[in-house]
Amino acid sequence: MLTTLSQAQILTLIFLTALGYALATAGIKLTSDGAPGLFPLLAITTGFLIATVSEVLLLRGTELSTAYLLIVAAETILVLAFALSLGDSLSPRQVLGGLAVIIGMVLVAH
């Protein structure tokens, strides 16, 4: 059963869900690069906790198909920004391909 969420609440929850998944992904990347200490594990745990709570609240007020596409689009942008901040590079072809996928997902979701 869907509850009523405002568009602002839906967008906030989509952003928080994507941010949580992106944070977990960053922790996983740091772990794979051999980062020592608890920070990567905390990033993974905190990220998945934020994503889980936000997505549960989001799915109470919107359809899974719509929410999932928008979450993936937002998460993709956040993870790419993180990768670029680490010095990863993208070719113009990869950027155009990524933009096409994100635009397509947003169009399908509306």
PDB file of N, CA and C in Angstrom:
ATOM      1  N   MET A   1       0.841  -1.176   0.000  1.00  0.00           N
ATOM      2  CA  MET A   1       0.000   0.000   0.000  1.00  0.00           C
ATOM      3  C   MET A   1       0.888   1.242   0.000  1.00  0.00           C
ATOM      4  N   LEU A   2       0.645   2.139  -0.931  1.00  0.00           N
ATOM      5  CA  LEU A   2       1.441   3.354  -1.040  1.00  0.00           C
ATOM      6  C   LEU A   2       0.917   4.429  -0.098  1.00  0.00           C
ATOM      7  N   THR A   3       1.860   5.134   0.532  1.00  0.00           N
ATOM      8  CA  THR A   3       1.501   6.306   1.323  1.00  0.00           C
ATOM      9  C   THR A   3       1.770   7.529   0.470  1.00  0.00           C
ATOM     10  N   THR A   4       1.268   8.660   0.899  1.00  0.00           N
ATOM     11  CA  THR A   4       1.439   9.879   0.125  1.00  0.00           C
ATOM     12  C   THR A   4       2.735  10.575   0.514  1.00  0.00           C
ATOM     13  N   LEU A   5       3.594  10.751  -0.473  1.00  0.00           N
ATOM     14  CA  LEU A   5       4.833  11.500  -0.303  1.00  0.00           C
ATOM     15  C   LEU A   5       4.814  12.657  -1.283  1.00  0.00           C
ATOM     16  N   SER A   6       5.324  13.789  -0.855  1.00  0.00           N
ATOM     17  CA  SER A   6       5.428  14.925  -1.777  1.00  0.00           C
ATOM     18  C   SER A   6       6.562  14.660  -2.756  1.00  0.00           C
ATOM     19  N   GLN A   7       6.567  15.404  -3.830  1.00  0.00           N
ATOM     20  CA  GLN A   7       7.635  15.246  -4.819  1.00  0.00           C
ATOM     21  C   GLN A   7       8.996  15.571  -4.198  1.00  0.00           C
ATOM     22  N   ALA A   8       9.033  16.566  -3.317  1.00  0.00           N
ATOM     23  CA  ALA A   8      10.288  16.921  -2.640  1.00  0.00           C
ATOM     24  C   ALA A   8      10.770  15.769  -1.756  1.00  0.00           C
ATOM     25  N   GLN A   9       9.840  15.117  -1.066  1.00  0.00           N
ATOM     26  CA  GLN A   9      10.220  13.977  -0.221  1.00  0.00           C
ATOM     27  C   GLN A   9      10.727  12.816  -1.073  1.00  0.00           C
ATOM     28  N   ILE A  10      10.078  12.568  -2.187  1.00  0.00           N
ATOM     29  CA  ILE A  10      10.506  11.498  -3.081  1.00  0.00           C
ATOM     30  C   ILE A  10      11.907  11.773  -3.610  1.00  0.00           C
ATOM     31  N   LEU A  11      12.145  12.994  -4.072  1.00  0.00           N
ATOM     32  CA  LEU A  11      13.475  13.342  -4.602  1.00  0.00           C
ATOM     33  C   LEU A  11      14.542  13.257  -3.512  1.00  0.00           C
ATOM     34  N   THR A  12      14.214  13.696  -2.308  1.00  0.00           N
ATOM     35  CA  THR A  12      15.158  13.610  -1.192  1.00  0.00           C
ATOM     36  C   THR A  12      15.499  12.158  -0.885  1.00  0.00           C
ATOM     37  N   LEU A  13      14.494  11.298  -0.845  1.00  0.00           N
ATOM     38  CA  LEU A  13      14.729   9.887  -0.559  1.00  0.00           C
ATOM     39  C   LEU A  13      15.499   9.202  -1.685  1.00  0.00           C
ATOM     40  N   ILE A  14      15.236   9.585  -2.926  1.00  0.00           N
ATOM     41  CA  ILE A  14      16.009   9.047  -4.048  1.00  0.00           C
ATOM     42  C   ILE A  14      17.476   9.444  -3.894  1.00  0.00           C
ATOM     43  N   PHE A  15      17.717  10.710  -3.576  1.00  0.00           N
ATOM     44  CA  PHE A  15      19.091  11.186  -3.398  1.00  0.00           C
ATOM     45  C   PHE A  15      19.768  10.473  -2.233  1.00  0.00           C
ATOM     46  N   LEU A  16      19.069  10.333  -1.105  1.00  0.00           N
ATOM     47  CA  LEU A  16      19.663   9.664   0.056  1.00  0.00           C
ATOM     48  C   LEU A  16      19.960   8.192  -0.232  1.00  0.00           C
ATOM     49  N   THR A  17      19.059   7.525  -0.935  1.00  0.00           N
ATOM     50  CA  THR A  17      19.295   6.131  -1.304  1.00  0.00           C
ATOM     51  C   THR A  17      20.522   6.013  -2.202  1.00  0.00           C
ATOM     52  N   ALA A  18      20.580   6.859  -3.217  1.00  0.00           N
ATOM     53  CA  ALA A  18      21.720   6.842  -4.133  1.00  0.00           C
ATOM     54  C   ALA A  18      23.008   7.193  -3.401  1.00  0.00           C
ATOM     55  N   LEU A  19      22.940   8.166  -2.506  1.00  0.00           N
ATOM     56  CA  LEU A  19      24.114   8.560  -1.729  1.00  0.00           C
ATOM     57  C   LEU A  19      24.602   7.398  -0.861  1.00  0.00           C
ATOM     58  N   GLY A  20      23.662   6.684  -0.243  1.00  0.00           N
ATOM     59  CA  GLY A  20      24.039   5.526   0.573  1.00  0.00           C
ATOM     60  C   GLY A  20      24.735   4.461  -0.249  1.00  0.00           C
ATOM     61  N   TYR A  21      24.169   4.124  -1.410  1.00  0.00           N
ATOM     62  CA  TYR A  21      24.797   3.127  -2.276  1.00  0.00           C
ATOM     63  C   TYR A  21      26.158   3.612  -2.776  1.00  0.00           C
ATOM     64  N   ALA A  22      26.257   4.887  -3.109  1.00  0.00           N
ATOM     65  CA  ALA A  22      27.536   5.433  -3.573  1.00  0.00           C
ATOM     66  C   ALA A  22      28.576   5.401  -2.460  1.00  0.00           C
ATOM     67  N   LEU A  23      28.178   5.713  -1.235  1.00  0.00           N
ATOM     68  CA  LEU A  23      29.098   5.654  -0.097  1.00  0.00           C
ATOM     69  C   LEU A  23      29.590   4.226   0.120  1.00  0.00           C
ATOM     70  N   ALA A  24      28.668   3.260   0.047  1.00  0.00           N
ATOM     71  CA  ALA A  24      29.058   1.852   0.181  1.00  0.00           C
ATOM     72  C   ALA A  24      30.018   1.451  -0.940  1.00  0.00           C
ATOM     73  N   THR A  25      29.742   1.908  -2.153  1.00  0.00           N
ATOM     74  CA  THR A  25      30.620   1.612  -3.285  1.00  0.00           C
ATOM     75  C   THR A  25      32.003   2.207  -3.076  1.00  0.00           C
ATOM     76  N   ALA A  26      32.052   3.426  -2.543  1.00  0.00           N
ATOM     77  CA  ALA A  26      33.349   4.062  -2.260  1.00  0.00           C
ATOM     78  C   ALA A  26      34.118   3.241  -1.221  1.00  0.00           C
ATOM     79  N   GLY A  27      33.430   2.761  -0.192  1.00  0.00           N
ATOM     80  CA  GLY A  27      34.090   1.922   0.812  1.00  0.00           C
ATOM     81  C   GLY A  27      34.605   0.626   0.214  1.00  0.00           C
ATOM     82  N   ILE A  28      33.831   0.040  -0.677  1.00  0.00           N
ATOM     83  CA  ILE A  28      34.255  -1.182  -1.351  1.00  0.00           C
ATOM     84  C   ILE A  28      35.482  -0.913  -2.218  1.00  0.00           C
ATOM     85  N   LYS A  29      35.484   0.209  -2.920  1.00  0.00           N
ATOM     86  CA  LYS A  29      36.636   0.582  -3.757  1.00  0.00           C
ATOM     87  C   LYS A  29      37.868   0.785  -2.888  1.00  0.00           C
ATOM     88  N   LEU A  30      37.714   1.496  -1.779  1.00  0.00           N
ATOM     89  CA  LEU A  30      38.851   1.719  -0.885  1.00  0.00           C
ATOM     90  C   LEU A  30      39.379   0.392  -0.344  1.00  0.00           C
ATOM     91  N   THR A  31      38.483  -0.513   0.007  1.00  0.00           N
ATOM     92  CA  THR A  31      38.903  -1.824   0.495  1.00  0.00           C
ATOM     93  C   THR A  31      39.650  -2.591  -0.586  1.00  0.00           C
ATOM     94  N   SER A  32      39.151  -2.534  -1.809  1.00  0.00           N
ATOM     95  CA  SER A  32      39.804  -3.262  -2.906  1.00  0.00           C
ATOM     96  C   SER A  32      41.181  -2.690  -3.216  1.00  0.00           C
ATOM     97  N   ASP A  33      41.376  -1.412  -2.907  1.00  0.00           N
ATOM     98  CA  ASP A  33      42.686  -0.782  -3.114  1.00  0.00           C
ATOM     99  C   ASP A  33      43.619  -1.008  -1.925  1.00  0.00           C
ATOM    100  N   GLY A  34      43.133  -1.726  -0.904  1.00  0.00           N
ATOM    101  CA  GLY A  34      43.972  -2.050   0.247  1.00  0.00           C
ATOM    102  C   GLY A  34      44.028  -0.982   1.317  1.00  0.00           C
ATOM    103  N   ALA A  35      43.031  -0.108   1.367  1.00  0.00           N
ATOM    104  CA  ALA A  35      43.019   0.946   2.387  1.00  0.00           C
ATOM    105  C   ALA A  35      42.948   0.307   3.773  1.00  0.00           C
ATOM    106  N   PRO A  36      43.815   0.723   4.679  1.00  0.00           N
ATOM    107  CA  PRO A  36      43.820   0.132   6.022  1.00  0.00           C
ATOM    108  C   PRO A  36      42.785   0.793   6.936  1.00  0.00           C
ATOM    109  N   GLY A  37      42.535   0.181   8.057  1.00  0.00           N
ATOM    110  CA  GLY A  37      41.697   0.798   9.076  1.00  0.00           C
ATOM    111  C   GLY A  37      40.222   0.488   8.916  1.00  0.00           C
ATOM    112  N   LEU A  38      39.461   1.144   9.763  1.00  0.00           N
ATOM    113  CA  LEU A  38      38.017   0.902   9.815  1.00  0.00           C
ATOM    114  C   LEU A  38      37.204   1.781   8.877  1.00  0.00           C
ATOM    115  N   PHE A  39      37.815   2.835   8.331  1.00  0.00           N
ATOM    116  CA  PHE A  39      37.035   3.773   7.521  1.00  0.00           C
ATOM    117  C   PHE A  39      36.303   3.096   6.364  1.00  0.00           C
ATOM    118  N   PRO A  40      36.972   2.250   5.569  1.00  0.00           N
ATOM    119  CA  PRO A  40      36.236   1.614   4.472  1.00  0.00           C
ATOM    120  C   PRO A  40      35.054   0.768   4.963  1.00  0.00           C
ATOM    121  N   LEU A  41      35.247   0.026   6.041  1.00  0.00           N
ATOM    122  CA  LEU A  41      34.168  -0.800   6.587  1.00  0.00           C
ATOM    123  C   LEU A  41      33.026   0.070   7.105  1.00  0.00           C
ATOM    124  N   LEU A  42      33.360   1.185   7.753  1.00  0.00           N
ATOM    125  CA  LEU A  42      32.322   2.112   8.217  1.00  0.00           C
ATOM    126  C   LEU A  42      31.564   2.732   7.042  1.00  0.00           C
ATOM    127  N   ALA A  43      32.288   3.059   5.972  1.00  0.00           N
ATOM    128  CA  ALA A  43      31.642   3.630   4.788  1.00  0.00           C
ATOM    129  C   ALA A  43      30.673   2.625   4.173  1.00  0.00           C
ATOM    130  N   ILE A  44      31.087   1.365   4.093  1.00  0.00           N
ATOM    131  CA  ILE A  44      30.219   0.328   3.532  1.00  0.00           C
ATOM    132  C   ILE A  44      28.977   0.151   4.405  1.00  0.00           C
ATOM    133  N   THR A  45      29.184  -0.014   5.695  1.00  0.00           N
ATOM    134  CA  THR A  45      28.081  -0.253   6.621  1.00  0.00           C
ATOM    135  C   THR A  45      27.127   0.932   6.676  1.00  0.00           C
ATOM    136  N   THR A  46      27.683   2.127   6.830  1.00  0.00           N
ATOM    137  CA  THR A  46      26.855   3.335   6.898  1.00  0.00           C
ATOM    138  C   THR A  46      26.109   3.551   5.591  1.00  0.00           C
ATOM    139  N   GLY A  47      26.799   3.359   4.477  1.00  0.00           N
ATOM    140  CA  GLY A  47      26.171   3.536   3.171  1.00  0.00           C
ATOM    141  C   GLY A  47      24.990   2.615   2.968  1.00  0.00           C
ATOM    142  N   PHE A  48      25.178   1.329   3.282  1.00  0.00           N
ATOM    143  CA  PHE A  48      24.069   0.389   3.109  1.00  0.00           C
ATOM    144  C   PHE A  48      22.935   0.666   4.095  1.00  0.00           C
ATOM    145  N   LEU A  49      23.248   1.129   5.288  1.00  0.00           N
ATOM    146  CA  LEU A  49      22.205   1.474   6.255  1.00  0.00           C
ATOM    147  C   LEU A  49      21.379   2.665   5.756  1.00  0.00           C
ATOM    148  N   ILE A  50      22.059   3.712   5.289  1.00  0.00           N
ATOM    149  CA  ILE A  50      21.361   4.882   4.739  1.00  0.00           C
ATOM    150  C   ILE A  50      20.501   4.472   3.544  1.00  0.00           C
ATOM    151  N   ALA A  51      21.082   3.684   2.649  1.00  0.00           N
ATOM    152  CA  ALA A  51      20.353   3.259   1.451  1.00  0.00           C
ATOM    153  C   ALA A  51      19.132   2.420   1.812  1.00  0.00           C
ATOM    154  N   THR A  52      19.287   1.502   2.753  1.00  0.00           N
ATOM    155  CA  THR A  52      18.178   0.625   3.127  1.00  0.00           C
ATOM    156  C   THR A  52      17.014   1.397   3.737  1.00  0.00           C
ATOM    157  N   VAL A  53      17.315   2.236   4.713  1.00  0.00           N
ATOM    158  CA  VAL A  53      16.247   3.000   5.378  1.00  0.00           C
ATOM    159  C   VAL A  53      15.572   3.944   4.381  1.00  0.00           C
ATOM    160  N   SER A  54      16.366   4.639   3.590  1.00  0.00           N
ATOM    161  CA  SER A  54      15.804   5.584   2.620  1.00  0.00           C
ATOM    162  C   SER A  54      14.958   4.881   1.573  1.00  0.00           C
ATOM    163  N   GLU A  55      15.440   3.734   1.106  1.00  0.00           N
ATOM    164  CA  GLU A  55      14.698   3.028   0.060  1.00  0.00           C
ATOM    165  C   GLU A  55      13.394   2.429   0.602  1.00  0.00           C
ATOM    166  N   VAL A  56      13.397   1.939   1.821  1.00  0.00           N
ATOM    167  CA  VAL A  56      12.160   1.432   2.426  1.00  0.00           C
ATOM    168  C   VAL A  56      11.130   2.556   2.511  1.00  0.00           C
ATOM    169  N   LEU A  57      11.553   3.721   2.996  1.00  0.00           N
ATOM    170  CA  LEU A  57      10.630   4.857   3.082  1.00  0.00           C
ATOM    171  C   LEU A  57      10.155   5.288   1.701  1.00  0.00           C
ATOM    172  N   LEU A  58      11.073   5.286   0.747  1.00  0.00           N
ATOM    173  CA  LEU A  58      10.733   5.681  -0.618  1.00  0.00           C
ATOM    174  C   LEU A  58       9.698   4.738  -1.224  1.00  0.00           C
ATOM    175  N   LEU A  59       9.895   3.441  -1.029  1.00  0.00           N
ATOM    176  CA  LEU A  59       8.999   2.467  -1.643  1.00  0.00           C
ATOM    177  C   LEU A  59       7.620   2.445  -0.999  1.00  0.00           C
ATOM    178  N   ARG A  60       7.481   3.097   0.136  1.00  0.00           N
ATOM    179  CA  ARG A  60       6.151   3.241   0.733  1.00  0.00           C
ATOM    180  C   ARG A  60       5.329   4.281  -0.018  1.00  0.00           C
ATOM    181  N   GLY A  61       5.997   5.128  -0.795  1.00  0.00           N
ATOM    182  CA  GLY A  61       5.293   6.214  -1.461  1.00  0.00           C
ATOM    183  C   GLY A  61       5.443   6.274  -2.962  1.00  0.00           C
ATOM    184  N   THR A  62       6.121   5.285  -3.546  1.00  0.00           N
ATOM    185  CA  THR A  62       6.285   5.291  -4.997  1.00  0.00           C
ATOM    186  C   THR A  62       6.465   3.871  -5.502  1.00  0.00           C
ATOM    187  N   GLU A  63       6.268   3.680  -6.766  1.00  0.00           N
ATOM    188  CA  GLU A  63       6.398   2.360  -7.385  1.00  0.00           C
ATOM    189  C   GLU A  63       7.876   1.971  -7.515  1.00  0.00           C
ATOM    190  N   LEU A  64       8.155   0.693  -7.364  1.00  0.00           N
ATOM    191  CA  LEU A  64       9.520   0.173  -7.448  1.00  0.00           C
ATOM    192  C   LEU A  64      10.173   0.506  -8.786  1.00  0.00           C
ATOM    193  N   SER A  65       9.444   0.305  -9.882  1.00  0.00           N
ATOM    194  CA  SER A  65      10.035   0.523 -11.202  1.00  0.00           C
ATOM    195  C   SER A  65      10.500   1.961 -11.386  1.00  0.00           C
ATOM    196  N   THR A  66       9.715   2.899 -10.959  1.00  0.00           N
ATOM    197  CA  THR A  66      10.075   4.314 -11.072  1.00  0.00           C
ATOM    198  C   THR A  66      11.227   4.655 -10.138  1.00  0.00           C
ATOM    199  N   ALA A  67      11.115   4.239  -8.896  1.00  0.00           N
ATOM    200  CA  ALA A  67      12.141   4.556  -7.907  1.00  0.00           C
ATOM    201  C   ALA A  67      13.483   3.968  -8.301  1.00  0.00           C
ATOM    202  N   TYR A  68      13.491   2.716  -8.731  1.00  0.00           N
ATOM    203  CA  TYR A  68      14.746   2.035  -9.031  1.00  0.00           C
ATOM    204  C   TYR A  68      15.506   2.727 -10.155  1.00  0.00           C
ATOM    205  N   LEU A  69      14.812   3.091 -11.203  1.00  0.00           N
ATOM    206  CA  LEU A  69      15.479   3.754 -12.322  1.00  0.00           C
ATOM    207  C   LEU A  69      16.105   5.079 -11.901  1.00  0.00           C
ATOM    208  N   LEU A  70      15.375   5.852 -11.118  1.00  0.00           N
ATOM    209  CA  LEU A  70      15.908   7.146 -10.676  1.00  0.00           C
ATOM    210  C   LEU A  70      17.053   6.977  -9.682  1.00  0.00           C
ATOM    211  N   ILE A  71      16.967   5.965  -8.809  1.00  0.00           N
ATOM    212  CA  ILE A  71      18.060   5.697  -7.867  1.00  0.00           C
ATOM    213  C   ILE A  71      19.328   5.321  -8.629  1.00  0.00           C
ATOM    214  N   VAL A  72      19.199   4.440  -9.612  1.00  0.00           N
ATOM    215  CA  VAL A  72      20.367   4.010 -10.386  1.00  0.00           C
ATOM    216  C   VAL A  72      20.979   5.180 -11.144  1.00  0.00           C
ATOM    217  N   ALA A  73      20.148   6.044 -11.703  1.00  0.00           N
ATOM    218  CA  ALA A  73      20.667   7.214 -12.414  1.00  0.00           C
ATOM    219  C   ALA A  73      21.434   8.123 -11.461  1.00  0.00           C
ATOM    220  N   ALA A  74      20.852   8.416 -10.298  1.00  0.00           N
ATOM    221  CA  ALA A  74      21.522   9.288  -9.331  1.00  0.00           C
ATOM    222  C   ALA A  74      22.789   8.644  -8.785  1.00  0.00           C
ATOM    223  N   GLU A  75      22.719   7.348  -8.496  1.00  0.00           N
ATOM    224  CA  GLU A  75      23.900   6.653  -7.980  1.00  0.00           C
ATOM    225  C   GLU A  75      25.025   6.641  -9.009  1.00  0.00           C
ATOM    226  N   THR A  76      24.679   6.450 -10.261  1.00  0.00           N
ATOM    227  CA  THR A  76      25.684   6.436 -11.327  1.00  0.00           C
ATOM    228  C   THR A  76      26.435   7.761 -11.370  1.00  0.00           C
ATOM    229  N   ILE A  77      25.710   8.842 -11.280  1.00  0.00           N
ATOM    230  CA  ILE A  77      26.346  10.167 -11.297  1.00  0.00           C
ATOM    231  C   ILE A  77      27.273  10.337 -10.094  1.00  0.00           C
ATOM    232  N   LEU A  78      26.815   9.936  -8.908  1.00  0.00           N
ATOM    233  CA  LEU A  78      27.630  10.071  -7.699  1.00  0.00           C
ATOM    234  C   LEU A  78      28.882   9.201  -7.754  1.00  0.00           C
ATOM    235  N   VAL A  79      28.735   7.953  -8.211  1.00  0.00           N
ATOM    236  CA  VAL A  79      29.893   7.053  -8.282  1.00  0.00           C
ATOM    237  C   VAL A  79      30.890   7.544  -9.333  1.00  0.00           C
ATOM    238  N   LEU A  80      30.409   8.036 -10.455  1.00  0.00           N
ATOM    239  CA  LEU A  80      31.316   8.579 -11.464  1.00  0.00           C
ATOM    240  C   LEU A  80      32.067   9.795 -10.931  1.00  0.00           C
ATOM    241  N   ALA A  81      31.383  10.640 -10.188  1.00  0.00           N
ATOM    242  CA  ALA A  81      32.050  11.805  -9.589  1.00  0.00           C
ATOM    243  C   ALA A  81      33.140  11.345  -8.620  1.00  0.00           C
ATOM    244  N   PHE A  82      32.850  10.308  -7.822  1.00  0.00           N
ATOM    245  CA  PHE A  82      33.845   9.768  -6.898  1.00  0.00           C
ATOM    246  C   PHE A  82      35.033   9.190  -7.669  1.00  0.00           C
ATOM    247  N   ALA A  83      34.748   8.436  -8.729  1.00  0.00           N
ATOM    248  CA  ALA A  83      35.829   7.833  -9.526  1.00  0.00           C
ATOM    249  C   ALA A  83      36.714   8.914 -10.133  1.00  0.00           C
ATOM    250  N   LEU A  84      36.090   9.956 -10.640  1.00  0.00           N
ATOM    251  CA  LEU A  84      36.872  11.051 -11.227  1.00  0.00           C
ATOM    252  C   LEU A  84      37.707  11.756 -10.168  1.00  0.00           C
ATOM    253  N   SER A  85      37.178  11.871  -8.951  1.00  0.00           N
ATOM    254  CA  SER A  85      37.950  12.516  -7.879  1.00  0.00           C
ATOM    255  C   SER A  85      39.152  11.681  -7.466  1.00  0.00           C
ATOM    256  N   LEU A  86      39.104  10.370  -7.730  1.00  0.00           N
ATOM    257  CA  LEU A  86      40.240   9.493  -7.435  1.00  0.00           C
ATOM    258  C   LEU A  86      41.268   9.469  -8.563  1.00  0.00           C
ATOM    259  N   GLY A  87      40.946  10.150  -9.656  1.00  0.00           N
ATOM    260  CA  GLY A  87      41.885  10.202 -10.767  1.00  0.00           C
ATOM    261  C   GLY A  87      41.550   9.268 -11.911  1.00  0.00           C
ATOM    262  N   ASP A  88      40.455   8.522 -11.809  1.00  0.00           N
ATOM    263  CA  ASP A  88      40.026   7.707 -12.941  1.00  0.00           C
ATOM    264  C   ASP A  88      39.653   8.650 -14.076  1.00  0.00           C
ATOM    265  N   SER A  89      39.779   8.169 -15.288  1.00  0.00           N
ATOM    266  CA  SER A  89      39.440   9.028 -16.417  1.00  0.00           C
ATOM    267  C   SER A  89      38.380   8.355 -17.273  1.00  0.00           C
ATOM    268  N   LEU A  90      37.630   9.166 -17.977  1.00  0.00           N
ATOM    269  CA  LEU A  90      36.612   8.686 -18.895  1.00  0.00           C
ATOM    270  C   LEU A  90      36.865   9.280 -20.266  1.00  0.00           C
ATOM    271  N   SER A  91      36.723   8.461 -21.283  1.00  0.00           N
ATOM    272  CA  SER A  91      36.858   8.961 -22.647  1.00  0.00           C
ATOM    273  C   SER A  91      35.565   9.686 -23.015  1.00  0.00           C
ATOM    274  N   PRO A  92      35.618  10.553 -24.027  1.00  0.00           N
ATOM    275  CA  PRO A  92      34.384  11.211 -24.478  1.00  0.00           C
ATOM    276  C   PRO A  92      33.299  10.198 -24.862  1.00  0.00           C
ATOM    277  N   ARG A  93      33.701   9.082 -25.441  1.00  0.00           N
ATOM    278  CA  ARG A  93      32.746   8.038 -25.823  1.00  0.00           C
ATOM    279  C   ARG A  93      32.056   7.463 -24.577  1.00  0.00           C
ATOM    280  N   GLN A  94      32.817   7.229 -23.511  1.00  0.00           N
ATOM    281  CA  GLN A  94      32.235   6.711 -22.274  1.00  0.00           C
ATOM    282  C   GLN A  94      31.280   7.724 -21.648  1.00  0.00           C
ATOM    283  N   VAL A  95      31.655   8.992 -21.678  1.00  0.00           N
ATOM    284  CA  VAL A  95      30.792  10.045 -21.128  1.00  0.00           C
ATOM    285  C   VAL A  95      29.481  10.103 -21.892  1.00  0.00           C
ATOM    286  N   LEU A  96      29.551  10.104 -23.231  1.00  0.00           N
ATOM    287  CA  LEU A  96      28.333  10.148 -24.041  1.00  0.00           C
ATOM    288  C   LEU A  96      27.473   8.905 -23.816  1.00  0.00           C
ATOM    289  N   GLY A  97      28.100   7.747 -23.725  1.00  0.00           N
ATOM    290  CA  GLY A  97      27.358   6.516 -23.471  1.00  0.00           C
ATOM    291  C   GLY A  97      26.671   6.555 -22.120  1.00  0.00           C
ATOM    292  N   GLY A  98      27.387   7.016 -21.097  1.00  0.00           N
ATOM    293  CA  GLY A  98      26.815   7.124 -19.762  1.00  0.00           C
ATOM    294  C   GLY A  98      25.657   8.101 -19.719  1.00  0.00           C
ATOM    295  N   LEU A  99      25.828   9.236 -20.388  1.00  0.00           N
ATOM    296  CA  LEU A  99      24.742  10.223 -20.443  1.00  0.00           C
ATOM    297  C   LEU A  99      23.516   9.655 -21.147  1.00  0.00           C
ATOM    298  N   ALA A 100      23.735   8.908 -22.210  1.00  0.00           N
ATOM    299  CA  ALA A 100      22.612   8.308 -22.937  1.00  0.00           C
ATOM    300  C   ALA A 100      21.851   7.336 -22.042  1.00  0.00           C
ATOM    301  N   VAL A 101      22.581   6.539 -21.278  1.00  0.00           N
ATOM    302  CA  VAL A 101      21.931   5.580 -20.375  1.00  0.00           C
ATOM    303  C   VAL A 101      21.143   6.313 -19.295  1.00  0.00           C
ATOM    304  N   ILE A 102      21.755   7.328 -18.686  1.00  0.00           N
ATOM    305  CA  ILE A 102      21.087   8.074 -17.613  1.00  0.00           C
ATOM    306  C   ILE A 102      19.856   8.796 -18.140  1.00  0.00           C
ATOM    307  N   ILE A 103      19.983   9.462 -19.275  1.00  0.00           N
ATOM    308  CA  ILE A 103      18.839  10.164 -19.864  1.00  0.00           C
ATOM    309  C   ILE A 103      17.732   9.166 -20.214  1.00  0.00           C
ATOM    310  N   GLY A 104      18.100   8.032 -20.763  1.00  0.00           N
ATOM    311  CA  GLY A 104      17.113   7.020 -21.077  1.00  0.00           C
ATOM    312  C   GLY A 104      16.375   6.509 -19.848  1.00  0.00           C
ATOM    313  N   MET A 105      17.105   6.297 -18.761  1.00  0.00           N
ATOM    314  CA  MET A 105      16.476   5.814 -17.528  1.00  0.00           C
ATOM    315  C   MET A 105      15.529   6.862 -16.960  1.00  0.00           C
ATOM    316  N   VAL A 106      15.925   8.120 -17.008  1.00  0.00           N
ATOM    317  CA  VAL A 106      15.052   9.182 -16.499  1.00  0.00           C
ATOM    318  C   VAL A 106      13.803   9.294 -17.374  1.00  0.00           C
ATOM    319  N   LEU A 107      13.966   9.185 -18.679  1.00  0.00           N
ATOM    320  CA  LEU A 107      12.806   9.259 -19.571  1.00  0.00           C
ATOM    321  C   LEU A 107      11.842   8.095 -19.359  1.00  0.00           C
ATOM    322  N   VAL A 108      12.376   6.904 -19.156  1.00  0.00           N
ATOM    323  CA  VAL A 108      11.525   5.731 -18.932  1.00  0.00           C
ATOM    324  C   VAL A 108      10.772   5.857 -17.602  1.00  0.00           C
ATOM    325  N   ALA A 109      11.422   6.478 -16.627  1.00  0.00           N
ATOM    326  CA  ALA A 109      10.817   6.598 -15.289  1.00  0.00           C
ATOM    327  C   ALA A 109       9.674   7.604 -15.245  1.00  0.00           C
ATOM    328  N   HIS A 110       9.606   8.482 -16.219  1.00  0.00           N
ATOM    329  CA  HIS A 110       8.531   9.488 -16.206  1.00  0.00           C
ATOM    330  C   HIS A 110       7.494   9.151 -17.203  1.00  0.00           C
TER     331      HIS A 110
END
